Amino acid sequence: MVTIREQSYFALAALMDGPLHGYAIIKRASELSGGRVRMAAGTLYAALDRLSAEGLLRVVDEEVVNGRARRYYDLTDEGIAALRAEAERMLQAAQVVTERPARRARVVKPA
């Protein structure tokens, strides 16, 4: 099982609706996280290289815009499976807290 860091999780989640280029991934990840996840370009591209090497995403298209290469990334089947597994892991971890009443031990002070 692959452990997915929060920034990578939201980068992968950004691709669930289809291929995006780097800047669009940054914007979509920020939107999906409610602004919590902010990635610099260097951070994103390092994560995309790592996720690609792990087989979770792939480059599906490339074009030149204003003299610069723009790559479009998409999830692989393994990426979709890993993303869903991580979401399920987080859900189970959250349920440990959210689905049971909070019980606090009472401290009994000596008389």
Protein backbone atom coordinates (compact mmCIF):
# COMPACT_ATOMS: atom_id res chain seq x y z
CA MET A 1 0.00 0.00 0.00
CA VAL A 2 1.30 3.45 -0.94
CA THR A 3 1.20 6.21 1.68
CA ILE A 4 0.00 9.44 0.10
CA ARG A 5 0.94 12.80 1.61
CA GLU A 6 -1.74 15.49 1.81
CA GLN A 7 -0.38 17.58 -1.07
CA SER A 8 -0.07 14.51 -3.30
CA TYR A 9 -3.54 13.33 -2.25
CA PHE A 10 -5.11 16.59 -3.41
CA ALA A 11 -2.98 16.66 -6.58
CA LEU A 12 -4.28 13.20 -7.45
CA ALA A 13 -7.83 14.17 -6.46
CA ALA A 14 -7.58 17.14 -8.82
CA LEU A 15 -7.15 14.68 -11.68
CA MET A 16 -10.26 12.64 -10.92
CA ASP A 17 -12.30 14.56 -13.49
CA GLY A 18 -9.70 14.22 -16.21
CA PRO A 19 -6.27 15.40 -17.37
CA LEU A 20 -4.88 18.75 -16.23
CA HIS A 21 -1.63 20.65 -16.65
CA GLY A 22 0.49 21.66 -13.67
CA TYR A 23 -0.93 25.10 -12.94
CA ALA A 24 -4.49 23.76 -13.21
CA ILE A 25 -3.59 20.98 -10.75
CA ILE A 26 -2.29 23.59 -8.28
CA LYS A 27 -5.52 25.62 -8.56
CA ARG A 28 -7.83 22.60 -8.36
CA ALA A 29 -5.97 21.09 -5.38
CA SER A 30 -6.33 24.40 -3.54
CA GLU A 31 -10.06 24.51 -4.34
CA LEU A 32 -10.64 20.90 -3.26
CA SER A 33 -8.81 21.45 0.02
CA GLY A 34 -10.65 24.65 0.84
CA GLY A 35 -7.41 26.58 0.39
CA ARG A 36 -5.42 24.48 2.90
CA VAL A 37 -3.15 22.96 0.26
CA ARG A 38 -0.95 25.47 -1.52
CA MET A 39 1.81 24.18 -3.71
CA ALA A 40 4.70 25.97 -5.31
CA ALA A 41 5.46 24.84 -8.85
CA GLY A 42 8.70 23.15 -7.78
CA THR A 43 6.90 21.19 -5.08
CA LEU A 44 4.18 20.12 -7.48
CA TYR A 45 6.53 18.96 -10.23
CA ALA A 46 8.66 16.99 -7.75
CA ALA A 47 5.46 15.31 -6.51
CA LEU A 48 4.26 14.65 -10.08
CA ASP A 49 7.62 13.06 -10.96
CA ARG A 50 7.44 10.85 -7.86
CA LEU A 51 3.79 9.89 -8.44
CA SER A 52 4.58 9.11 -12.06
CA ALA A 53 7.53 6.92 -11.04
CA GLU A 54 5.19 5.11 -8.63
CA GLY A 55 2.78 4.46 -11.51
CA LEU A 56 -0.06 6.55 -10.06
CA LEU A 57 -0.24 9.04 -12.92
CA ARG A 58 1.10 9.53 -16.42
CA VAL A 59 1.69 12.28 -18.95
CA VAL A 60 -1.06 12.05 -21.56
CA ASP A 61 -0.35 15.11 -23.69
CA GLU A 62 2.17 17.87 -24.19
CA GLU A 63 1.94 21.16 -26.02
CA VAL A 64 4.07 24.27 -26.34
CA VAL A 65 2.50 27.44 -24.95
CA ASN A 66 4.47 30.70 -25.15
CA GLY A 67 7.61 28.74 -25.89
CA ARG A 68 7.25 26.47 -22.86
CA ALA A 69 6.23 22.84 -22.73
CA ARG A 70 2.91 22.24 -20.97
CA ARG A 71 2.34 18.66 -19.90
CA TYR A 72 -1.05 17.22 -19.12
CA TYR A 73 -1.26 14.55 -16.44
CA ASP A 74 -3.91 11.90 -15.80
CA LEU A 75 -4.48 9.18 -13.23
CA THR A 76 -3.62 5.58 -14.00
CA ASP A 77 -5.86 2.76 -12.82
CA GLU A 78 -3.31 2.22 -10.03
CA GLY A 79 -3.57 5.92 -9.14
CA ILE A 80 -7.34 5.74 -8.87
CA ALA A 81 -7.09 2.64 -6.68
CA ALA A 82 -4.43 4.21 -4.43
CA LEU A 83 -6.42 7.44 -4.09
CA ARG A 84 -9.59 5.55 -3.15
CA ALA A 85 -7.67 3.35 -0.69
CA GLU A 86 -6.21 6.46 0.98
CA ALA A 87 -9.67 8.07 1.17
CA GLU A 88 -11.02 4.90 2.80
CA ARG A 89 -8.10 4.80 5.26
CA MET A 90 -8.75 8.43 6.25
CA LEU A 91 -12.49 7.76 6.59
CA GLN A 92 -11.86 4.82 8.91
CA ALA A 93 -9.42 6.88 10.96
CA ALA A 94 -11.95 9.73 11.25
CA GLN A 95 -14.70 7.32 12.31
CA VAL A 96 -12.66 6.30 15.35
CA VAL A 97 -13.41 9.79 16.67
CA THR A 98 -16.62 10.89 14.97
CA GLU A 99 -18.76 7.81 15.48
CA ARG A 100 -18.44 7.38 19.20
CA PRO A 101 -19.35 9.64 22.06
CA ALA A 102 -16.57 11.44 23.81
CA ARG A 103 -16.16 10.03 27.28
CA ARG A 104 -13.90 11.73 29.66
CA ALA A 105 -12.82 10.26 32.92
CA ARG A 106 -13.78 12.30 35.90
CA VAL A 107 -11.02 13.29 38.19
CA VAL A 108 -12.00 12.60 41.77
CA LYS A 109 -10.37 15.01 44.15
CA PRO A 110 -9.62 13.75 47.68
CA ALA A 111 -11.83 15.29 50.33
